[in-house]
């Protein structure tokens, strides 16, 4: 597994590497290859060539190219690489949410919080364990990993599964209610029902307006009046849990 660390402070760069090595020492079953960059432009070149890592640990405030810039470029070519931000300021938490970083850690980085972030990162990478949503289509049953779903729409009694790559999988005519069709998502906190016809994956929500969620794809998903308070609370909670 490849881990990239980028920080223009050599001292901080070495401290993060020490934390990665310490984590590896207590998790000997995981094999890590570590690359370090003090020059963000060098890492940017790698990303543009799509030479990607599994986990990126990025400082945010760097000269010329910020960690947010790097994160945005990573997301243009990969939704699977995991991003962890480390920073001396808490001013950029919402920006970090915009590129779906899994954690936002303040310097000096606490070892316990760093280990928890790494545990979560490895769990995210283990897509083999991702639950599957079974969609009955005209072509047969299609298995869709939850992490690939941006949102689900009930359109004229058919499920439209909107994927993160822009693809839409359409089910056959559904005879059950929308509630029954999406009940498998109930135990997954990353999904939220926000409208009688929409279920969204909170991991792929870019922001929230007065009455809708803005998704990574740019789609605006309406939030019903009765769901607006719960949706706002859920959105804030999701941001707080991932960027505390």
C-alpha atoms as a PDB file:
ATOM      1  CA  UNK A   1       0.000   0.000   0.000  1.00  0.00           C
ATOM      2  CA  UNK A   2       1.378   3.359  -1.035  1.00  0.00           C
ATOM      3  CA  UNK A   3       1.218   6.366   1.298  1.00  0.00           C
ATOM      4  CA  UNK A   4       2.251   9.863   0.183  1.00  0.00           C
ATOM      5  CA  UNK A   5       3.089  12.614   2.669  1.00  0.00           C
ATOM      6  CA  UNK A   6       3.389  16.217   1.491  1.00  0.00           C
ATOM      7  CA  UNK A   7       4.405  19.124   3.748  1.00  0.00           C
ATOM      8  CA  UNK A   8       6.720  22.020   2.947  1.00  0.00           C
ATOM      9  CA  UNK A   9       7.970  21.997   6.539  1.00  0.00           C
ATOM     10  CA  UNK A  10      10.753  19.410   6.706  1.00  0.00           C
ATOM     11  CA  UNK A  11      10.281  19.060  10.455  1.00  0.00           C
ATOM     12  CA  UNK A  12       6.555  18.383  10.153  1.00  0.00           C
ATOM     13  CA  UNK A  13       7.185  16.061   7.208  1.00  0.00           C
ATOM     14  CA  UNK A  14       9.517  13.948   9.335  1.00  0.00           C
ATOM     15  CA  UNK A  15       7.067  13.911  12.266  1.00  0.00           C
ATOM     16  CA  UNK A  16       4.255  12.598  10.072  1.00  0.00           C
ATOM     17  CA  UNK A  17       6.565   9.938   8.657  1.00  0.00           C
ATOM     18  CA  UNK A  18       7.416   8.882  12.214  1.00  0.00           C
ATOM     19  CA  UNK A  19       3.693   8.514  12.956  1.00  0.00           C
ATOM     20  CA  UNK A  20       3.222   6.392   9.830  1.00  0.00           C
ATOM     21  CA  UNK A  21       6.166   4.180  10.839  1.00  0.00           C
ATOM     22  CA  UNK A  22       4.795   3.899  14.378  1.00  0.00           C
ATOM     23  CA  UNK A  23       1.416   2.894  13.019  1.00  0.00           C
ATOM     24  CA  UNK A  24       3.076   0.305  10.792  1.00  0.00           C
ATOM     25  CA  UNK A  25       4.967  -1.150  13.742  1.00  0.00           C
ATOM     26  CA  UNK A  26       1.721  -1.926  15.600  1.00  0.00           C
ATOM     27  CA  UNK A  27       0.054  -3.174  12.405  1.00  0.00           C
ATOM     28  CA  UNK A  28       2.712  -5.522  11.017  1.00  0.00           C
ATOM     29  CA  UNK A  29       0.242  -7.237   8.684  1.00  0.00           C
ATOM     30  CA  UNK A  30      -0.022  -4.047   6.633  1.00  0.00           C
ATOM     31  CA  UNK A  31       2.880  -3.277   4.319  1.00  0.00           C
ATOM     32  CA  UNK A  32       3.402   0.426   3.589  1.00  0.00           C
ATOM     33  CA  UNK A  33       5.475   2.118   0.908  1.00  0.00           C
ATOM     34  CA  UNK A  34       6.015   5.751   1.924  1.00  0.00           C
ATOM     35  CA  UNK A  35       6.857   8.664  -0.372  1.00  0.00           C
ATOM     36  CA  UNK A  36       7.633  12.135   1.029  1.00  0.00           C
ATOM     37  CA  UNK A  37       7.358  15.495  -0.733  1.00  0.00           C
ATOM     38  CA  UNK A  38       8.399  18.885   0.586  1.00  0.00           C
ATOM     39  CA  UNK A  39       7.674  20.385  -2.851  1.00  0.00           C
ATOM     40  CA  UNK A  40       3.973  20.248  -3.712  1.00  0.00           C
ATOM     41  CA  UNK A  41       4.655  20.899  -7.405  1.00  0.00           C
ATOM     42  CA  UNK A  42       6.597  17.622  -7.651  1.00  0.00           C
ATOM     43  CA  UNK A  43       3.627  15.753  -6.208  1.00  0.00           C
ATOM     44  CA  UNK A  44       1.294  17.649  -8.523  1.00  0.00           C
ATOM     45  CA  UNK A  45       3.238  16.326 -11.518  1.00  0.00           C
ATOM     46  CA  UNK A  46       2.755  12.754 -10.283  1.00  0.00           C
ATOM     47  CA  UNK A  47      -0.978  13.280  -9.807  1.00  0.00           C
ATOM     48  CA  UNK A  48      -1.352  14.751 -13.293  1.00  0.00           C
ATOM     49  CA  UNK A  49       0.369  11.675 -14.681  1.00  0.00           C
ATOM     50  CA  UNK A  50      -2.139   9.603 -12.685  1.00  0.00           C
ATOM     51  CA  UNK A  51       0.643   7.977 -10.673  1.00  0.00           C
ATOM     52  CA  UNK A  52      -1.560   7.745  -7.617  1.00  0.00           C
ATOM     53  CA  UNK A  53      -1.188   6.583  -4.031  1.00  0.00           C
ATOM     54  CA  UNK A  54      -3.690   4.779  -1.834  1.00  0.00           C
ATOM     55  CA  UNK A  55      -3.453   7.334   0.990  1.00  0.00           C
ATOM     56  CA  UNK A  56      -2.436  11.005   0.849  1.00  0.00           C
ATOM     57  CA  UNK A  57      -1.453  12.874   4.018  1.00  0.00           C
ATOM     58  CA  UNK A  58      -1.316  16.526   3.008  1.00  0.00           C
ATOM     59  CA  UNK A  59      -0.531  19.787   4.720  1.00  0.00           C
ATOM     60  CA  UNK A  60      -3.015  22.465   3.667  1.00  0.00           C
ATOM     61  CA  UNK A  61      -1.083  25.726   3.916  1.00  0.00           C
ATOM     62  CA  UNK A  62       1.864  25.470   1.543  1.00  0.00           C
ATOM     63  CA  UNK A  63       3.457  28.012  -0.760  1.00  0.00           C
ATOM     64  CA  UNK A  64       2.119  28.229  -4.340  1.00  0.00           C
ATOM     65  CA  UNK A  65       0.111  24.984  -4.286  1.00  0.00           C
ATOM     66  CA  UNK A  66      -2.123  24.275  -1.299  1.00  0.00           C
ATOM     67  CA  UNK A  67      -3.202  20.908   0.019  1.00  0.00           C
ATOM     68  CA  UNK A  68      -6.752  21.759  -1.085  1.00  0.00           C
ATOM     69  CA  UNK A  69      -5.457  22.316  -4.639  1.00  0.00           C
ATOM     70  CA  UNK A  70      -3.753  18.920  -4.551  1.00  0.00           C
ATOM     71  CA  UNK A  71      -6.875  17.280  -3.165  1.00  0.00           C
ATOM     72  CA  UNK A  72      -9.011  18.760  -5.938  1.00  0.00           C
ATOM     73  CA  UNK A  73      -6.597  17.434  -8.559  1.00  0.00           C
ATOM     74  CA  UNK A  74      -6.599  13.982  -6.960  1.00  0.00           C
ATOM     75  CA  UNK A  75     -10.407  13.935  -7.072  1.00  0.00           C
ATOM     76  CA  UNK A  76     -10.382  14.742 -10.789  1.00  0.00           C
ATOM     77  CA  UNK A  77      -8.705  11.410 -11.479  1.00  0.00           C
ATOM     78  CA  UNK A  78      -9.680   9.230  -8.513  1.00  0.00           C
ATOM     79  CA  UNK A  79     -12.519   8.822  -6.037  1.00  0.00           C
ATOM     80  CA  UNK A  80     -10.761   5.910  -4.365  1.00  0.00           C
ATOM     81  CA  UNK A  81      -7.564   7.518  -3.044  1.00  0.00           C
ATOM     82  CA  UNK A  82      -7.987   8.486   0.612  1.00  0.00           C
ATOM     83  CA  UNK A  83      -7.014  12.001   1.724  1.00  0.00           C
ATOM     84  CA  UNK A  84      -6.054  13.027   5.268  1.00  0.00           C
ATOM     85  CA  UNK A  85      -5.297  16.686   5.949  1.00  0.00           C
ATOM     86  CA  UNK A  86      -2.942  17.998   8.611  1.00  0.00           C
ATOM     87  CA  UNK A  87      -2.775  21.705   9.295  1.00  0.00           C
ATOM     88  CA  UNK A  88      -1.961  24.332  11.897  1.00  0.00           C
ATOM     89  CA  UNK A  89      -5.316  26.065  11.337  1.00  0.00           C
ATOM     90  CA  UNK A  90      -8.935  24.953  11.519  1.00  0.00           C
ATOM     91  CA  UNK A  91     -10.003  27.532   8.919  1.00  0.00           C
ATOM     92  CA  UNK A  92     -10.164  25.082   6.031  1.00  0.00           C
ATOM     93  CA  UNK A  93     -12.438  22.323   7.328  1.00  0.00           C
ATOM     94  CA  UNK A  94     -15.237  22.976   4.836  1.00  0.00           C
ATOM     95  CA  UNK A  95     -12.725  23.135   1.975  1.00  0.00           C
ATOM     96  CA  UNK A  96     -11.429  19.744   3.098  1.00  0.00           C
ATOM     97  CA  UNK A  97     -14.984  18.416   3.081  1.00  0.00           C
ATOM     98  CA  UNK A  98     -15.314  19.587  -0.517  1.00  0.00           C
ATOM     99  CA  UNK A  99     -12.656  17.115  -1.682  1.00  0.00           C
ATOM    100  CA  UNK A 100     -13.942  14.399   0.671  1.00  0.00           C
ATOM    101  CA  UNK A 101     -10.928  14.127   2.915  1.00  0.00           C
ATOM    102  CA  UNK A 102     -11.661  11.550   5.608  1.00  0.00           C
ATOM    103  CA  UNK A 103      -9.981  13.440   8.448  1.00  0.00           C
ATOM    104  CA  UNK A 104      -8.785  16.959   9.284  1.00  0.00           C
ATOM    105  CA  UNK A 105      -6.069  16.825  11.948  1.00  0.00           C
ATOM    106  CA  UNK A 106      -4.565  19.831  13.690  1.00  0.00           C
ATOM    107  CA  UNK A 107      -0.823  20.126  14.291  1.00  0.00           C
ATOM    108  CA  UNK A 108       0.877  18.959  16.389  1.00  0.00           C
ATOM    109  CA  UNK A 109      -0.837  15.745  15.330  1.00  0.00           C
ATOM    110  CA  UNK A 110      -1.963  13.547  18.201  1.00  0.00           C
ATOM    111  CA  UNK A 111      -0.850   9.925  17.773  1.00  0.00           C
ATOM    112  CA  UNK A 112      -4.166   8.460  18.916  1.00  0.00           C
ATOM    113  CA  UNK A 113      -6.140  10.593  16.445  1.00  0.00           C
ATOM    114  CA  UNK A 114      -3.672   9.779  13.679  1.00  0.00           C
ATOM    115  CA  UNK A 115      -3.961   6.045  14.322  1.00  0.00           C
ATOM    116  CA  UNK A 116      -7.768   6.332  14.273  1.00  0.00           C
ATOM    117  CA  UNK A 117      -7.557   8.176  10.938  1.00  0.00           C
ATOM    118  CA  UNK A 118      -5.322   5.454   9.505  1.00  0.00           C
ATOM    119  CA  UNK A 119      -7.692   2.739  10.724  1.00  0.00           C
ATOM    120  CA  UNK A 120     -10.546   4.502   8.981  1.00  0.00           C
ATOM    121  CA  UNK A 121      -8.481   5.017   5.818  1.00  0.00           C
ATOM    122  CA  UNK A 122      -7.623   1.329   5.582  1.00  0.00           C
ATOM    123  CA  UNK A 123     -11.257   0.387   6.127  1.00  0.00           C
ATOM    124  CA  UNK A 124     -12.258   2.688   3.269  1.00  0.00           C
ATOM    125  CA  UNK A 125      -9.655   1.199   0.959  1.00  0.00           C
ATOM    126  CA  UNK A 126     -10.862  -2.331   1.608  1.00  0.00           C
ATOM    127  CA  UNK A 127     -13.533  -2.110  -1.079  1.00  0.00           C
ATOM    128  CA  UNK A 128     -13.791  -5.890  -1.167  1.00  0.00           C
ATOM    129  CA  UNK A 129     -15.939  -5.561   1.962  1.00  0.00           C
ATOM    130  CA  UNK A 130     -18.143  -2.820   0.529  1.00  0.00           C
ATOM    131  CA  UNK A 131     -21.838  -3.788   0.711  1.00  0.00           C
ATOM    132  CA  UNK A 132     -23.653  -4.224  -2.582  1.00  0.00           C
ATOM    133  CA  UNK A 133     -27.012  -2.895  -3.732  1.00  0.00           C
ATOM    134  CA  UNK A 134     -28.768  -5.320  -6.062  1.00  0.00           C
ATOM    135  CA  UNK A 135     -30.625  -3.642  -8.920  1.00  0.00           C
ATOM    136  CA  UNK A 136     -33.089  -5.568 -11.086  1.00  0.00           C
ATOM    137  CA  UNK A 137     -32.710  -4.293 -14.650  1.00  0.00           C
ATOM    138  CA  UNK A 138     -33.883  -5.442 -18.074  1.00  0.00           C
ATOM    139  CA  UNK A 139     -30.432  -6.940 -18.565  1.00  0.00           C
ATOM    140  CA  UNK A 140     -30.597  -8.857 -15.277  1.00  0.00           C
ATOM    141  CA  UNK A 141     -29.506  -8.189 -11.700  1.00  0.00           C
ATOM    142  CA  UNK A 142     -26.611  -5.730 -11.351  1.00  0.00           C
ATOM    143  CA  UNK A 143     -24.560  -5.524  -8.132  1.00  0.00           C
ATOM    144  CA  UNK A 144     -23.511  -1.966  -7.288  1.00  0.00           C
ATOM    145  CA  UNK A 145     -21.059  -1.213  -4.431  1.00  0.00           C
ATOM    146  CA  UNK A 146     -22.497   1.380  -2.065  1.00  0.00           C
ATOM    147  CA  UNK A 147     -19.410   3.577  -2.356  1.00  0.00           C
ATOM    148  CA  UNK A 148     -20.030   4.025  -6.097  1.00  0.00           C
ATOM    149  CA  UNK A 149     -23.551   5.390  -5.566  1.00  0.00           C
ATOM    150  CA  UNK A 150     -23.938   9.176  -5.531  1.00  0.00           C
ATOM    151  CA  UNK A 151     -27.716   9.173  -5.149  1.00  0.00           C
ATOM    152  CA  UNK A 152     -30.810   7.101  -5.865  1.00  0.00           C
ATOM    153  CA  UNK A 153     -33.901   8.578  -7.514  1.00  0.00           C
ATOM    154  CA  UNK A 154     -37.421   7.200  -7.791  1.00  0.00           C
ATOM    155  CA  UNK A 155     -38.391   8.181 -11.332  1.00  0.00           C
ATOM    156  CA  UNK A 156     -41.760   7.063 -12.705  1.00  0.00           C
ATOM    157  CA  UNK A 157     -41.735   3.929 -10.528  1.00  0.00           C
ATOM    158  CA  UNK A 158     -38.218   3.005 -11.586  1.00  0.00           C
ATOM    159  CA  UNK A 159     -35.044   3.347  -9.558  1.00  0.00           C
ATOM    160  CA  UNK A 160     -32.332   5.424 -11.163  1.00  0.00           C
ATOM    161  CA  UNK A 161     -28.994   4.679  -9.507  1.00  0.00           C
ATOM    162  CA  UNK A 162     -26.666   7.605 -10.201  1.00  0.00           C
ATOM    163  CA  UNK A 163     -23.041   6.511  -9.916  1.00  0.00           C
ATOM    164  CA  UNK A 164     -19.975   8.605  -9.122  1.00  0.00           C
ATOM    165  CA  UNK A 165     -18.603   8.073 -12.638  1.00  0.00           C
ATOM    166  CA  UNK A 166     -21.712   9.636 -14.205  1.00  0.00           C
ATOM    167  CA  UNK A 167     -23.324   6.336 -15.197  1.00  0.00           C
ATOM    168  CA  UNK A 168     -27.021   5.796 -14.458  1.00  0.00           C
ATOM    169  CA  UNK A 169     -28.415   2.311 -13.835  1.00  0.00           C
ATOM    170  CA  UNK A 170     -32.183   2.087 -14.301  1.00  0.00           C
ATOM    171  CA  UNK A 171     -34.226  -0.652 -12.686  1.00  0.00           C
ATOM    172  CA  UNK A 172     -37.278  -2.362 -14.060  1.00  0.00           C
ATOM    173  CA  UNK A 173     -40.702  -1.095 -12.930  1.00  0.00           C
ATOM    174  CA  UNK A 174     -40.880  -1.355  -9.135  1.00  0.00           C
ATOM    175  CA  UNK A 175     -44.012  -2.728  -7.488  1.00  0.00           C
ATOM    176  CA  UNK A 176     -42.944  -1.997  -3.915  1.00  0.00           C
ATOM    177  CA  UNK A 177     -42.802   1.477  -2.383  1.00  0.00           C
ATOM    178  CA  UNK A 178     -39.601   3.522  -2.619  1.00  0.00           C
ATOM    179  CA  UNK A 179     -39.221   3.087   1.149  1.00  0.00           C
ATOM    180  CA  UNK A 180     -39.184  -0.682   0.785  1.00  0.00           C
ATOM    181  CA  UNK A 181     -36.814  -0.601  -2.172  1.00  0.00           C
ATOM    182  CA  UNK A 182     -34.168   1.378  -0.268  1.00  0.00           C
ATOM    183  CA  UNK A 183     -34.591  -0.218   3.166  1.00  0.00           C
ATOM    184  CA  UNK A 184     -31.194  -1.953   2.804  1.00  0.00           C
ATOM    185  CA  UNK A 185     -29.580   1.478   3.221  1.00  0.00           C
ATOM    186  CA  UNK A 186     -31.184   2.097   6.619  1.00  0.00           C
ATOM    187  CA  UNK A 187     -28.187   0.795   8.596  1.00  0.00           C
ATOM    188  CA  UNK A 188     -25.666   2.796   6.576  1.00  0.00           C
ATOM    189  CA  UNK A 189     -25.195   6.253   8.091  1.00  0.00           C
ATOM    190  CA  UNK A 190     -23.594   7.570   4.934  1.00  0.00           C
ATOM    191  CA  UNK A 191     -26.973   7.522   3.175  1.00  0.00           C
ATOM    192  CA  UNK A 192     -29.859   9.868   3.923  1.00  0.00           C
ATOM    193  CA  UNK A 193     -33.428  10.000   2.642  1.00  0.00           C
ATOM    194  CA  UNK A 194     -34.088  13.695   1.969  1.00  0.00           C
ATOM    195  CA  UNK A 195     -37.196  13.597  -0.225  1.00  0.00           C
ATOM    196  CA  UNK A 196     -39.966  11.179  -1.141  1.00  0.00           C
ATOM    197  CA  UNK A 197     -38.043  10.435  -4.346  1.00  0.00           C
ATOM    198  CA  UNK A 198     -34.380  10.815  -3.353  1.00  0.00           C
ATOM    199  CA  UNK A 199     -31.745   9.054  -1.272  1.00  0.00           C
ATOM    200  CA  UNK A 200     -28.268  10.657  -1.173  1.00  0.00           C
ATOM    201  CA  UNK A 201     -24.804   9.393  -0.283  1.00  0.00           C
ATOM    202  CA  UNK A 202     -23.421  11.966   2.164  1.00  0.00           C
ATOM    203  CA  UNK A 203     -19.868  11.154   1.078  1.00  0.00           C
ATOM    204  CA  UNK A 204     -20.664  12.729  -2.278  1.00  0.00           C
ATOM    205  CA  UNK A 205     -22.462  15.849  -1.053  1.00  0.00           C
ATOM    206  CA  UNK A 206     -20.416  18.913  -1.939  1.00  0.00           C
ATOM    207  CA  UNK A 207     -22.574  21.425  -0.076  1.00  0.00           C
ATOM    208  CA  UNK A 208     -26.025  22.367   1.141  1.00  0.00           C
ATOM    209  CA  UNK A 209     -28.199  25.235  -0.036  1.00  0.00           C
ATOM    210  CA  UNK A 210     -31.448  26.429   1.505  1.00  0.00           C
ATOM    211  CA  UNK A 211     -33.526  23.595   0.097  1.00  0.00           C
ATOM    212  CA  UNK A 212     -31.214  21.173  -1.686  1.00  0.00           C
ATOM    213  CA  UNK A 213     -27.961  19.244  -1.560  1.00  0.00           C
ATOM    214  CA  UNK A 214     -25.322  19.956  -4.196  1.00  0.00           C
ATOM    215  CA  UNK A 215     -23.629  16.733  -5.235  1.00  0.00           C
ATOM    216  CA  UNK A 216     -20.130  16.131  -6.592  1.00  0.00           C
ATOM    217  CA  UNK A 217     -21.577  15.781 -10.078  1.00  0.00           C
ATOM    218  CA  UNK A 218     -23.232  19.189  -9.783  1.00  0.00           C
ATOM    219  CA  UNK A 219     -26.708  17.694  -9.436  1.00  0.00           C
ATOM    220  CA  UNK A 220     -29.011  19.562  -7.039  1.00  0.00           C
ATOM    221  CA  UNK A 221     -31.113  17.165  -4.986  1.00  0.00           C
ATOM    222  CA  UNK A 222     -34.270  18.739  -3.508  1.00  0.00           C
ATOM    223  CA  UNK A 223     -34.903  18.429   0.214  1.00  0.00           C
ATOM    224  CA  UNK A 224     -38.533  18.186   1.263  1.00  0.00           C
ATOM    225  CA  UNK A 225     -39.890  20.639   3.817  1.00  0.00           C
ATOM    226  CA  UNK A 226     -40.419  17.946   6.420  1.00  0.00           C
ATOM    227  CA  UNK A 227     -36.836  16.720   5.955  1.00  0.00           C
ATOM    228  CA  UNK A 228     -35.019  20.069   5.946  1.00  0.00           C
ATOM    229  CA  UNK A 229     -34.177  20.169   9.668  1.00  0.00           C
ATOM    230  CA  UNK A 230     -33.067  16.537   9.755  1.00  0.00           C
ATOM    231  CA  UNK A 231     -31.044  17.029   6.561  1.00  0.00           C
ATOM    232  CA  UNK A 232     -29.278  20.106   7.948  1.00  0.00           C
ATOM    233  CA  UNK A 233     -28.548  18.298  11.208  1.00  0.00           C
ATOM    234  CA  UNK A 234     -27.301  15.219   9.337  1.00  0.00           C
ATOM    235  CA  UNK A 235     -25.093  17.292   7.067  1.00  0.00           C
ATOM    236  CA  UNK A 236     -23.530  19.184   9.981  1.00  0.00           C
ATOM    237  CA  UNK A 237     -23.025  15.954  11.936  1.00  0.00           C
ATOM    238  CA  UNK A 238     -21.378  14.252   8.978  1.00  0.00           C
ATOM    239  CA  UNK A 239     -18.973  17.180   8.529  1.00  0.00           C
ATOM    240  CA  UNK A 240     -18.242  17.313  12.274  1.00  0.00           C
ATOM    241  CA  UNK A 241     -17.500  13.599  12.570  1.00  0.00           C
ATOM    242  CA  UNK A 242     -15.137  13.579   9.602  1.00  0.00           C
ATOM    243  CA  UNK A 243     -13.465  16.960  10.150  1.00  0.00           C
ATOM    244  CA  UNK A 244     -13.236  17.363  13.903  1.00  0.00           C
END
